[in-house]
Amino acid sequence: MNYNLENKTILITGANSGIGKAAAVQLAAMGATVVLACRSCERGEQALHDVRTNANSQKVELMQVDLSSQASIRAFAAEFQARHSHLDVLIHNAANFDQSLKTPVLTGDGVETIFATNHVGVFLLTHLLLETLKASAPSRILTVASKGLSVYPFLDIEFDNLNGQRNFSPQHAYYHSKLAQILFTYDLAERLRGTGVTVNCVRVTNVAVADERLTGLDPWVRRLYEIKRRMSIRPERQAQTYVYLAADPAVQEITGAYWDENNQQVRSSPKSYNRETWKRLWDETERLAGLKGQSPAA
């Protein structure tokens, strides 16, 4: 795949490593202005150097944001809009899967950290950048879910457990938040029909995890990841789906779809298509994000 992206501005969260970083390299190499949104400034600076070098492009920027913090997200969005009047693609790649957690940890906004980062933060950032995306139309939003959801075929949104107050494990919290991302994709796509902004979701498959992501894990968990890595694809391979959905003219009009690593539309779980759950999740996320009545396409 090769596209001319000379006049495109693309924002990628969690771009300091893995799939996000690989996608940044590929998109920057095609001429796009790529903004790396990273939580760690130190890791972000290294990623900035690596992406610029590997893409042979200086049109790569670094901005700091903590997607678990609503204040950080608001400050980031304001700074982004001060720097850029245009946004062609927003890729919500960042995610929290902290397996060291034994009990729920709430953010300063009172939301369980994994759900805050992987869903509420995505919802809030989308809201804050939506007018810029509309003004840049045709534009695209990509969210990210996980093939691992197949382990939970009957999982539904647990409105009495959003903060892990009834049942918590890092794995359960992660997949719960990723299911929320699928529902958010479908609902937002419907709300934005006719605006020129499309919304699609990537089903990430087993992707090799870098050694630094395994730091701090229990030895047996680390060993499982090392075994799993032998059967995983490289981040660069999965990043090709990000690039396809961000740039290919063939998908410019497609919205509200779920895509695998082969650039094929696939079905998500039956419960993810419940429109009543979409609406209830939307309303609850508005409340958690402090956006009641203000969220995108409300």
C-alpha atoms as a PDB file:
ATOM      1  CA  MET A   1       0.000   0.000   0.000  1.00  0.00           C
ATOM      2  CA  ASN A   2       1.205   3.465  -0.886  1.00  0.00           C
ATOM      3  CA  TYR A   3      -0.833   6.659  -0.805  1.00  0.00           C
ATOM      4  CA  ASN A   4      -0.072  10.321  -1.368  1.00  0.00           C
ATOM      5  CA  LEU A   5      -0.825  11.951   1.996  1.00  0.00           C
ATOM      6  CA  GLU A   6       1.074  15.201   1.491  1.00  0.00           C
ATOM      7  CA  ASN A   7      -1.778  17.441   2.634  1.00  0.00           C
ATOM      8  CA  LYS A   8      -3.159  15.201   5.374  1.00  0.00           C
ATOM      9  CA  THR A   9      -2.890  15.688   9.135  1.00  0.00           C
ATOM     10  CA  ILE A  10      -3.165  12.508  11.188  1.00  0.00           C
ATOM     11  CA  LEU A  11      -3.304  12.228  14.975  1.00  0.00           C
ATOM     12  CA  ILE A  12      -2.342   8.903  16.587  1.00  0.00           C
ATOM     13  CA  THR A  13      -2.676   8.303  20.321  1.00  0.00           C
ATOM     14  CA  GLY A  14      -0.329   5.832  22.012  1.00  0.00           C
ATOM     15  CA  ALA A  15       2.175   6.304  19.212  1.00  0.00           C
ATOM     16  CA  ASN A  16       5.344   5.778  21.231  1.00  0.00           C
ATOM     17  CA  SER A  17       5.497   2.005  20.613  1.00  0.00           C
ATOM     18  CA  GLY A  18       3.907  -1.002  18.960  1.00  0.00           C
ATOM     19  CA  ILE A  19       1.205  -0.640  16.326  1.00  0.00           C
ATOM     20  CA  GLY A  20       0.775   3.092  16.841  1.00  0.00           C
ATOM     21  CA  LYS A  21       4.438   3.799  16.247  1.00  0.00           C
ATOM     22  CA  ALA A  22       4.555   1.474  13.232  1.00  0.00           C
ATOM     23  CA  ALA A  23       1.501   3.190  11.726  1.00  0.00           C
ATOM     24  CA  ALA A  24       3.097   6.582  12.343  1.00  0.00           C
ATOM     25  CA  VAL A  25       6.174   5.540  10.380  1.00  0.00           C
ATOM     26  CA  GLN A  26       4.131   4.230   7.472  1.00  0.00           C
ATOM     27  CA  LEU A  27       1.828   7.272   7.303  1.00  0.00           C
ATOM     28  CA  ALA A  28       4.652   9.793   7.679  1.00  0.00           C
ATOM     29  CA  ALA A  29       6.596   8.037   4.920  1.00  0.00           C
ATOM     30  CA  MET A  30       3.622   8.723   2.634  1.00  0.00           C
ATOM     31  CA  GLY A  31       3.872  12.447   3.284  1.00  0.00           C
ATOM     32  CA  ALA A  32       1.317  12.993   6.052  1.00  0.00           C
ATOM     33  CA  THR A  33       1.848  15.360   8.937  1.00  0.00           C
ATOM     34  CA  VAL A  34       1.671  12.953  11.865  1.00  0.00           C
ATOM     35  CA  VAL A  35       1.072  14.022  15.453  1.00  0.00           C
ATOM     36  CA  LEU A  36       2.231  11.490  18.039  1.00  0.00           C
ATOM     37  CA  ALA A  37       0.081  11.789  21.155  1.00  0.00           C
ATOM     38  CA  CYS A  38       1.957  10.075  23.993  1.00  0.00           C
ATOM     39  CA  ARG A  39       1.587   9.905  27.759  1.00  0.00           C
ATOM     40  CA  SER A  40       5.318   9.625  28.484  1.00  0.00           C
ATOM     41  CA  CYS A  41       7.386  12.556  27.240  1.00  0.00           C
ATOM     42  CA  GLU A  42      10.593  10.524  27.550  1.00  0.00           C
ATOM     43  CA  ARG A  43       9.304   7.617  25.485  1.00  0.00           C
ATOM     44  CA  GLY A  44       7.584  10.049  23.169  1.00  0.00           C
ATOM     45  CA  GLU A  45      10.838  11.875  22.409  1.00  0.00           C
ATOM     46  CA  GLN A  46      12.485   8.588  21.486  1.00  0.00           C
ATOM     47  CA  ALA A  47       9.515   7.673  19.305  1.00  0.00           C
ATOM     48  CA  LEU A  48       9.631  11.083  17.627  1.00  0.00           C
ATOM     49  CA  HIS A  49      13.272  10.520  16.698  1.00  0.00           C
ATOM     50  CA  ASP A  50      12.605   6.975  15.504  1.00  0.00           C
ATOM     51  CA  VAL A  51       9.563   7.873  13.393  1.00  0.00           C
ATOM     52  CA  ARG A  52      11.278  10.832  11.767  1.00  0.00           C
ATOM     53  CA  THR A  53      14.331   8.717  10.993  1.00  0.00           C
ATOM     54  CA  ASN A  54      12.523   5.633   9.719  1.00  0.00           C
ATOM     55  CA  ALA A  55       9.990   7.618   7.694  1.00  0.00           C
ATOM     56  CA  ASN A  56      12.620  10.047   6.425  1.00  0.00           C
ATOM     57  CA  SER A  57      10.270  12.892   7.304  1.00  0.00           C
ATOM     58  CA  GLN A  58      10.392  15.919   9.567  1.00  0.00           C
ATOM     59  CA  LYS A  59       6.609  16.341   9.387  1.00  0.00           C
ATOM     60  CA  VAL A  60       6.191  14.470  12.664  1.00  0.00           C
ATOM     61  CA  GLU A  61       5.264  16.178  15.930  1.00  0.00           C
ATOM     62  CA  LEU A  62       5.046  15.095  19.556  1.00  0.00           C
ATOM     63  CA  MET A  63       2.315  16.142  21.969  1.00  0.00           C
ATOM     64  CA  GLN A  64       1.765  14.901  25.503  1.00  0.00           C
ATOM     65  CA  VAL A  65      -1.577  13.619  26.776  1.00  0.00           C
ATOM     66  CA  ASP A  66      -2.725  11.272  29.525  1.00  0.00           C
ATOM     67  CA  LEU A  67      -5.953   9.701  28.324  1.00  0.00           C
ATOM     68  CA  SER A  68      -6.915   8.677  31.860  1.00  0.00           C
ATOM     69  CA  SER A  69      -7.080  12.378  32.854  1.00  0.00           C
ATOM     70  CA  GLN A  70      -9.896  14.528  31.557  1.00  0.00           C
ATOM     71  CA  ALA A  71      -7.970  17.706  32.393  1.00  0.00           C
ATOM     72  CA  SER A  72      -5.023  16.442  30.343  1.00  0.00           C
ATOM     73  CA  ILE A  73      -7.302  15.584  27.414  1.00  0.00           C
ATOM     74  CA  ARG A  74      -8.917  19.016  27.469  1.00  0.00           C
ATOM     75  CA  ALA A  75      -5.543  20.769  27.586  1.00  0.00           C
ATOM     76  CA  PHE A  76      -4.261  18.568  24.757  1.00  0.00           C
ATOM     77  CA  ALA A  77      -7.262  19.273  22.533  1.00  0.00           C
ATOM     78  CA  ALA A  78      -6.938  23.017  23.054  1.00  0.00           C
ATOM     79  CA  GLU A  79      -3.229  22.911  22.212  1.00  0.00           C
ATOM     80  CA  PHE A  80      -3.810  20.731  19.150  1.00  0.00           C
ATOM     81  CA  GLN A  81      -6.428  23.134  17.796  1.00  0.00           C
ATOM     82  CA  ALA A  82      -4.107  26.074  18.441  1.00  0.00           C
ATOM     83  CA  ARG A  83      -1.458  24.365  16.298  1.00  0.00           C
ATOM     84  CA  HIS A  84      -3.683  22.778  13.646  1.00  0.00           C
ATOM     85  CA  SER A  85      -6.834  23.975  11.924  1.00  0.00           C
ATOM     86  CA  HIS A  86      -7.131  20.698  10.042  1.00  0.00           C
ATOM     87  CA  LEU A  87      -7.501  17.054  11.103  1.00  0.00           C
ATOM     88  CA  ASP A  88      -8.045  14.377   8.475  1.00  0.00           C
ATOM     89  CA  VAL A  89      -7.687  11.225  10.578  1.00  0.00           C
ATOM     90  CA  LEU A  90      -7.973  10.582  14.313  1.00  0.00           C
ATOM     91  CA  ILE A  91      -6.622   7.167  15.339  1.00  0.00           C
ATOM     92  CA  HIS A  92      -7.495   6.104  18.885  1.00  0.00           C
ATOM     93  CA  ASN A  93      -4.692   3.602  19.362  1.00  0.00           C
ATOM     94  CA  ALA A  94      -3.690   4.179  23.014  1.00  0.00           C
ATOM     95  CA  ALA A  95      -4.824   1.601  25.555  1.00  0.00           C
ATOM     96  CA  ASN A  96      -4.256   0.569  29.144  1.00  0.00           C
ATOM     97  CA  PHE A  97      -3.866  -3.143  29.906  1.00  0.00           C
ATOM     98  CA  ASP A  98      -2.088  -2.959  33.249  1.00  0.00           C
ATOM     99  CA  GLN A  99      -2.013  -6.565  34.411  1.00  0.00           C
ATOM    100  CA  SER A 100      -0.270  -5.635  37.640  1.00  0.00           C
ATOM    101  CA  LEU A 101      -3.530  -4.240  39.036  1.00  0.00           C
ATOM    102  CA  LYS A 102      -5.151  -6.396  41.703  1.00  0.00           C
ATOM    103  CA  THR A 103      -8.034  -4.080  42.565  1.00  0.00           C
ATOM    104  CA  PRO A 104      -9.694  -1.182  40.719  1.00  0.00           C
ATOM    105  CA  VAL A 105      -7.790   2.111  40.753  1.00  0.00           C
ATOM    106  CA  LEU A 106      -9.873   5.238  40.196  1.00  0.00           C
ATOM    107  CA  THR A 107      -8.616   8.293  38.354  1.00  0.00           C
ATOM    108  CA  GLY A 108      -8.912  11.797  39.728  1.00  0.00           C
ATOM    109  CA  ASP A 109     -12.189  11.992  37.789  1.00  0.00           C
ATOM    110  CA  GLY A 110     -13.559   9.016  39.715  1.00  0.00           C
ATOM    111  CA  VAL A 111     -13.431   6.499  36.845  1.00  0.00           C
ATOM    112  CA  GLU A 112     -11.686   3.111  36.906  1.00  0.00           C
ATOM    113  CA  THR A 113      -8.337   3.641  35.164  1.00  0.00           C
ATOM    114  CA  ILE A 114      -8.612   1.070  32.364  1.00  0.00           C
ATOM    115  CA  PHE A 115     -12.156   2.088  31.423  1.00  0.00           C
ATOM    116  CA  ALA A 116     -11.184   5.759  31.706  1.00  0.00           C
ATOM    117  CA  THR A 117      -8.241   5.394  29.317  1.00  0.00           C
ATOM    118  CA  ASN A 118      -9.717   2.964  26.823  1.00  0.00           C
ATOM    119  CA  HIS A 119     -13.234   4.325  26.532  1.00  0.00           C
ATOM    120  CA  VAL A 120     -14.124   7.516  28.416  1.00  0.00           C
ATOM    121  CA  GLY A 121     -10.963   9.295  27.268  1.00  0.00           C
ATOM    122  CA  VAL A 122     -11.638   8.278  23.667  1.00  0.00           C
ATOM    123  CA  PHE A 123     -15.197   9.601  23.924  1.00  0.00           C
ATOM    124  CA  LEU A 124     -14.037  12.917  25.389  1.00  0.00           C
ATOM    125  CA  LEU A 125     -11.184  13.479  22.932  1.00  0.00           C
ATOM    126  CA  THR A 126     -13.495  12.727  20.005  1.00  0.00           C
ATOM    127  CA  HIS A 127     -15.995  15.271  21.282  1.00  0.00           C
ATOM    128  CA  LEU A 128     -13.356  17.959  21.688  1.00  0.00           C
ATOM    129  CA  LEU A 129     -11.929  17.446  18.180  1.00  0.00           C
ATOM    130  CA  LEU A 130     -15.156  16.732  16.337  1.00  0.00           C
ATOM    131  CA  GLU A 131     -15.759  20.214  14.953  1.00  0.00           C
ATOM    132  CA  THR A 132     -12.226  20.210  13.524  1.00  0.00           C
ATOM    133  CA  LEU A 133     -12.885  16.815  11.934  1.00  0.00           C
ATOM    134  CA  LYS A 134     -16.173  18.039  10.468  1.00  0.00           C
ATOM    135  CA  ALA A 135     -14.492  21.151   9.070  1.00  0.00           C
ATOM    136  CA  SER A 136     -11.849  18.888   7.488  1.00  0.00           C
ATOM    137  CA  ALA A 137     -14.345  16.468   5.916  1.00  0.00           C
ATOM    138  CA  PRO A 138     -14.041  14.028   4.339  1.00  0.00           C
ATOM    139  CA  SER A 139     -12.286  12.838   7.480  1.00  0.00           C
ATOM    140  CA  ARG A 140     -11.997   9.602   9.409  1.00  0.00           C
ATOM    141  CA  ILE A 141     -12.019   8.301  12.985  1.00  0.00           C
ATOM    142  CA  LEU A 142     -10.532   4.906  13.861  1.00  0.00           C
ATOM    143  CA  THR A 143     -11.124   3.121  17.146  1.00  0.00           C
ATOM    144  CA  VAL A 144      -9.450  -0.089  18.235  1.00  0.00           C
ATOM    145  CA  ALA A 145     -10.875  -3.263  19.745  1.00  0.00           C
ATOM    146  CA  SER A 146      -9.366  -6.730  20.165  1.00  0.00           C
ATOM    147  CA  LYS A 147      -9.714 -10.197  18.708  1.00  0.00           C
ATOM    148  CA  GLY A 148      -9.379 -11.358  22.325  1.00  0.00           C
ATOM    149  CA  LEU A 149     -13.023 -10.423  22.800  1.00  0.00           C
ATOM    150  CA  SER A 150     -13.817 -13.785  21.235  1.00  0.00           C
ATOM    151  CA  VAL A 151     -12.933 -15.255  24.636  1.00  0.00           C
ATOM    152  CA  TYR A 152     -15.972 -13.365  25.992  1.00  0.00           C
ATOM    153  CA  PRO A 153     -18.683 -14.027  23.377  1.00  0.00           C
ATOM    154  CA  PHE A 154     -21.504 -13.224  25.817  1.00  0.00           C
ATOM    155  CA  LEU A 155     -19.934 -10.156  27.410  1.00  0.00           C
ATOM    156  CA  ASP A 156     -22.253  -7.175  27.600  1.00  0.00           C
ATOM    157  CA  ILE A 157     -21.804  -3.667  28.981  1.00  0.00           C
ATOM    158  CA  GLU A 158     -21.988  -3.989  32.764  1.00  0.00           C
ATOM    159  CA  PHE A 159     -23.537  -0.726  33.836  1.00  0.00           C
ATOM    160  CA  ASP A 160     -23.352  -1.772  37.486  1.00  0.00           C
ATOM    161  CA  ASN A 161     -19.642  -2.583  37.149  1.00  0.00           C
ATOM    162  CA  LEU A 162     -18.075   0.251  35.127  1.00  0.00           C
ATOM    163  CA  ASN A 163     -15.657   0.962  37.956  1.00  0.00           C
ATOM    164  CA  GLY A 164     -15.003  -2.697  38.699  1.00  0.00           C
ATOM    165  CA  GLN A 165     -16.976  -2.381  41.912  1.00  0.00           C
ATOM    166  CA  ARG A 166     -18.734  -5.724  41.467  1.00  0.00           C
ATOM    167  CA  ASN A 167     -16.140  -7.775  39.604  1.00  0.00           C
ATOM    168  CA  PHE A 168     -12.607  -6.787  38.652  1.00  0.00           C
ATOM    169  CA  SER A 169      -9.577  -8.200  36.920  1.00  0.00           C
ATOM    170  CA  PRO A 170      -7.325  -6.298  34.499  1.00  0.00           C
ATOM    171  CA  GLN A 171      -8.234  -8.669  31.697  1.00  0.00           C
ATOM    172  CA  HIS A 172     -11.967  -8.356  32.268  1.00  0.00           C
ATOM    173  CA  ALA A 173     -11.717  -4.573  32.559  1.00  0.00           C
ATOM    174  CA  TYR A 174      -9.681  -4.382  29.337  1.00  0.00           C
ATOM    175  CA  TYR A 175     -12.074  -6.430  27.221  1.00  0.00           C
ATOM    176  CA  HIS A 176     -15.068  -4.681  28.755  1.00  0.00           C
ATOM    177  CA  SER A 177     -13.590  -1.336  27.676  1.00  0.00           C
ATOM    178  CA  LYS A 178     -12.840  -2.682  24.199  1.00  0.00           C
ATOM    179  CA  LEU A 179     -16.425  -3.874  23.813  1.00  0.00           C
ATOM    180  CA  ALA A 180     -17.480  -0.343  24.761  1.00  0.00           C
ATOM    181  CA  GLN A 181     -15.312   0.944  21.912  1.00  0.00           C
ATOM    182  CA  ILE A 182     -17.173  -1.199  19.393  1.00  0.00           C
ATOM    183  CA  LEU A 183     -20.549   0.083  20.585  1.00  0.00           C
ATOM    184  CA  PHE A 184     -19.236   3.648  20.550  1.00  0.00           C
ATOM    185  CA  THR A 185     -18.043   3.165  16.954  1.00  0.00           C
ATOM    186  CA  TYR A 186     -21.397   1.923  15.744  1.00  0.00           C
ATOM    187  CA  ASP A 187     -23.363   4.612  17.573  1.00  0.00           C
ATOM    188  CA  LEU A 188     -21.091   7.501  16.568  1.00  0.00           C
ATOM    189  CA  ALA A 189     -21.101   6.363  12.944  1.00  0.00           C
ATOM    190  CA  GLU A 190     -24.907   6.580  12.910  1.00  0.00           C
ATOM    191  CA  ARG A 191     -24.901  10.011  14.572  1.00  0.00           C
ATOM    192  CA  LEU A 192     -22.373  11.384  12.083  1.00  0.00           C
ATOM    193  CA  ARG A 193     -23.988  10.153   8.876  1.00  0.00           C
ATOM    194  CA  GLY A 194     -24.108  12.971   6.354  1.00  0.00           C
ATOM    195  CA  THR A 195     -21.293  14.989   7.974  1.00  0.00           C
ATOM    196  CA  GLY A 196     -18.459  13.548   5.898  1.00  0.00           C
ATOM    197  CA  VAL A 197     -16.848  12.031   9.002  1.00  0.00           C
ATOM    198  CA  THR A 198     -16.624   8.231   9.006  1.00  0.00           C
ATOM    199  CA  VAL A 199     -16.012   6.017  12.034  1.00  0.00           C
ATOM    200  CA  ASN A 200     -14.590   2.492  11.868  1.00  0.00           C
ATOM    201  CA  CYS A 201     -13.134   0.019  14.341  1.00  0.00           C
ATOM    202  CA  VAL A 202     -10.077  -2.226  13.965  1.00  0.00           C
ATOM    203  CA  ARG A 203     -10.100  -5.707  15.474  1.00  0.00           C
ATOM    204  CA  VAL A 204      -6.469  -6.087  16.488  1.00  0.00           C
ATOM    205  CA  THR A 205      -5.242  -9.677  16.350  1.00  0.00           C
ATOM    206  CA  ASN A 206      -2.332 -11.264  18.263  1.00  0.00           C
ATOM    207  CA  VAL A 207       0.483  -8.755  17.840  1.00  0.00           C
ATOM    208  CA  ALA A 208       3.991  -9.262  19.196  1.00  0.00           C
ATOM    209  CA  VAL A 209       4.492  -7.246  22.382  1.00  0.00           C
ATOM    210  CA  ALA A 210       7.810  -5.461  22.867  1.00  0.00           C
ATOM    211  CA  ASP A 211       9.976  -6.424  25.846  1.00  0.00           C
ATOM    212  CA  GLU A 212       9.486  -3.061  27.567  1.00  0.00           C
ATOM    213  CA  ARG A 213       5.725  -3.682  27.714  1.00  0.00           C
ATOM    214  CA  LEU A 214       6.364  -6.798  29.801  1.00  0.00           C
ATOM    215  CA  THR A 215       8.235  -4.989  32.559  1.00  0.00           C
ATOM    216  CA  GLY A 216       6.671  -5.447  35.973  1.00  0.00           C
ATOM    217  CA  LEU A 217       4.507  -8.427  35.076  1.00  0.00           C
ATOM    218  CA  ASP A 218       4.484 -11.586  37.135  1.00  0.00           C
ATOM    219  CA  PRO A 219       7.055 -14.047  35.730  1.00  0.00           C
ATOM    220  CA  TRP A 220       4.399 -16.537  34.663  1.00  0.00           C
ATOM    221  CA  VAL A 221       2.438 -13.817  32.818  1.00  0.00           C
ATOM    222  CA  ARG A 222       5.618 -12.638  31.119  1.00  0.00           C
ATOM    223  CA  ARG A 223       6.338 -16.216  30.061  1.00  0.00           C
ATOM    224  CA  LEU A 224       2.853 -16.554  28.555  1.00  0.00           C
ATOM    225  CA  TYR A 225       3.406 -13.399  26.519  1.00  0.00           C
ATOM    226  CA  GLU A 226       6.763 -14.667  25.321  1.00  0.00           C
ATOM    227  CA  ILE A 227       5.129 -17.881  24.109  1.00  0.00           C
ATOM    228  CA  LYS A 228       2.253 -15.961  22.536  1.00  0.00           C
ATOM    229  CA  ARG A 229       4.726 -13.700  20.718  1.00  0.00           C
ATOM    230  CA  ARG A 230       5.964 -16.661  18.681  1.00  0.00           C
ATOM    231  CA  MET A 231       2.483 -16.990  17.154  1.00  0.00           C
ATOM    232  CA  SER A 232       1.880 -13.271  16.705  1.00  0.00           C
ATOM    233  CA  ILE A 233       2.198 -10.915  13.772  1.00  0.00           C
ATOM    234  CA  ARG A 234       4.539  -7.937  13.818  1.00  0.00           C
ATOM    235  CA  PRO A 235       3.173  -4.469  14.713  1.00  0.00           C
ATOM    236  CA  GLU A 236       4.099  -3.313  11.206  1.00  0.00           C
ATOM    237  CA  ARG A 237       1.733  -5.880   9.728  1.00  0.00           C
ATOM    238  CA  GLN A 238      -1.225  -4.829  11.888  1.00  0.00           C
ATOM    239  CA  ALA A 239      -0.408  -1.174  11.232  1.00  0.00           C
ATOM    240  CA  GLN A 240      -1.166  -1.751   7.565  1.00  0.00           C
ATOM    241  CA  THR A 241      -4.861  -1.997   8.459  1.00  0.00           C
ATOM    242  CA  TYR A 242      -4.665   1.362  10.223  1.00  0.00           C
ATOM    243  CA  VAL A 243      -3.101   2.813   7.081  1.00  0.00           C
ATOM    244  CA  TYR A 244      -5.713   1.226   4.818  1.00  0.00           C
ATOM    245  CA  LEU A 245      -8.617   2.616   6.833  1.00  0.00           C
ATOM    246  CA  ALA A 246      -6.935   5.992   7.233  1.00  0.00           C
ATOM    247  CA  ALA A 247      -6.019   6.504   3.593  1.00  0.00           C
ATOM    248  CA  ASP A 248      -7.550   4.177   1.021  1.00  0.00           C
ATOM    249  CA  PRO A 249     -10.130   5.857  -1.262  1.00  0.00           C
ATOM    250  CA  ALA A 250     -12.097   2.591  -1.400  1.00  0.00           C
ATOM    251  CA  VAL A 251     -13.249   3.000   2.213  1.00  0.00           C
ATOM    252  CA  GLN A 252     -13.867   6.757   2.184  1.00  0.00           C
ATOM    253  CA  GLU A 253     -17.650   6.275   2.298  1.00  0.00           C
ATOM    254  CA  ILE A 254     -17.724   3.236   4.597  1.00  0.00           C
ATOM    255  CA  THR A 255     -18.679   3.888   8.200  1.00  0.00           C
ATOM    256  CA  GLY A 256     -19.712   1.878  11.253  1.00  0.00           C
ATOM    257  CA  ALA A 257     -17.747  -1.241  10.273  1.00  0.00           C
ATOM    258  CA  TYR A 258     -15.490  -3.661  12.156  1.00  0.00           C
ATOM    259  CA  TRP A 259     -12.268  -4.658  10.332  1.00  0.00           C
ATOM    260  CA  ASP A 260      -9.752  -7.459  10.772  1.00  0.00           C
ATOM    261  CA  GLU A 261      -6.038  -7.502  10.010  1.00  0.00           C
ATOM    262  CA  ASN A 262      -6.745  -8.619   6.436  1.00  0.00           C
ATOM    263  CA  ASN A 263      -8.702  -5.420   5.728  1.00  0.00           C
ATOM    264  CA  GLN A 264     -11.944  -7.372   5.690  1.00  0.00           C
ATOM    265  CA  GLN A 265     -15.183  -6.415   7.408  1.00  0.00           C
ATOM    266  CA  VAL A 266     -16.129  -8.891  10.123  1.00  0.00           C
ATOM    267  CA  ARG A 267     -18.963  -9.292  12.620  1.00  0.00           C
ATOM    268  CA  SER A 268     -18.599  -8.395  16.273  1.00  0.00           C
ATOM    269  CA  SER A 269     -20.497 -10.161  19.065  1.00  0.00           C
ATOM    270  CA  PRO A 270     -24.317 -10.254  18.849  1.00  0.00           C
ATOM    271  CA  LYS A 271     -24.710  -8.080  21.951  1.00  0.00           C
ATOM    272  CA  SER A 272     -22.645  -5.295  20.366  1.00  0.00           C
ATOM    273  CA  TYR A 273     -25.483  -4.559  17.929  1.00  0.00           C
ATOM    274  CA  ASN A 274     -28.059  -3.713  20.602  1.00  0.00           C
ATOM    275  CA  ARG A 275     -29.042  -0.105  19.904  1.00  0.00           C
ATOM    276  CA  GLU A 276     -30.614   0.329  23.327  1.00  0.00           C
ATOM    277  CA  THR A 277     -27.261  -0.531  24.884  1.00  0.00           C
ATOM    278  CA  TRP A 278     -25.545   1.940  22.538  1.00  0.00           C
ATOM    279  CA  LYS A 279     -27.811   4.732  23.778  1.00  0.00           C
ATOM    280  CA  ARG A 280     -27.460   3.809  27.436  1.00  0.00           C
ATOM    281  CA  LEU A 281     -23.668   3.587  27.150  1.00  0.00           C
ATOM    282  CA  TRP A 282     -23.582   6.949  25.349  1.00  0.00           C
ATOM    283  CA  ASP A 283     -25.603   8.604  28.098  1.00  0.00           C
ATOM    284  CA  GLU A 284     -23.497   7.067  30.859  1.00  0.00           C
ATOM    285  CA  THR A 285     -20.227   8.003  29.145  1.00  0.00           C
ATOM    286  CA  GLU A 286     -21.441  11.573  28.735  1.00  0.00           C
ATOM    287  CA  ARG A 287     -21.934  11.676  32.480  1.00  0.00           C
ATOM    288  CA  LEU A 288     -18.539  10.148  33.280  1.00  0.00           C
ATOM    289  CA  ALA A 289     -16.801  12.564  30.880  1.00  0.00           C
ATOM    290  CA  GLY A 290     -18.584  15.624  32.231  1.00  0.00           C
ATOM    291  CA  LEU A 291     -20.319  16.159  28.892  1.00  0.00           C
ATOM    292  CA  LYS A 292     -23.981  15.653  29.685  1.00  0.00           C
ATOM    293  CA  GLY A 293     -25.878  17.020  26.710  1.00  0.00           C
ATOM    294  CA  GLN A 294     -22.701  18.237  24.983  1.00  0.00           C
ATOM    295  CA  SER A 295     -21.171  15.126  23.433  1.00  0.00           C
ATOM    296  CA  PRO A 296     -20.589  14.684  19.678  1.00  0.00           C
ATOM    297  CA  ALA A 297     -23.744  14.477  17.592  1.00  0.00           C
ATOM    298  CA  ALA A 298     -25.813  14.202  20.787  1.00  0.00           C
END
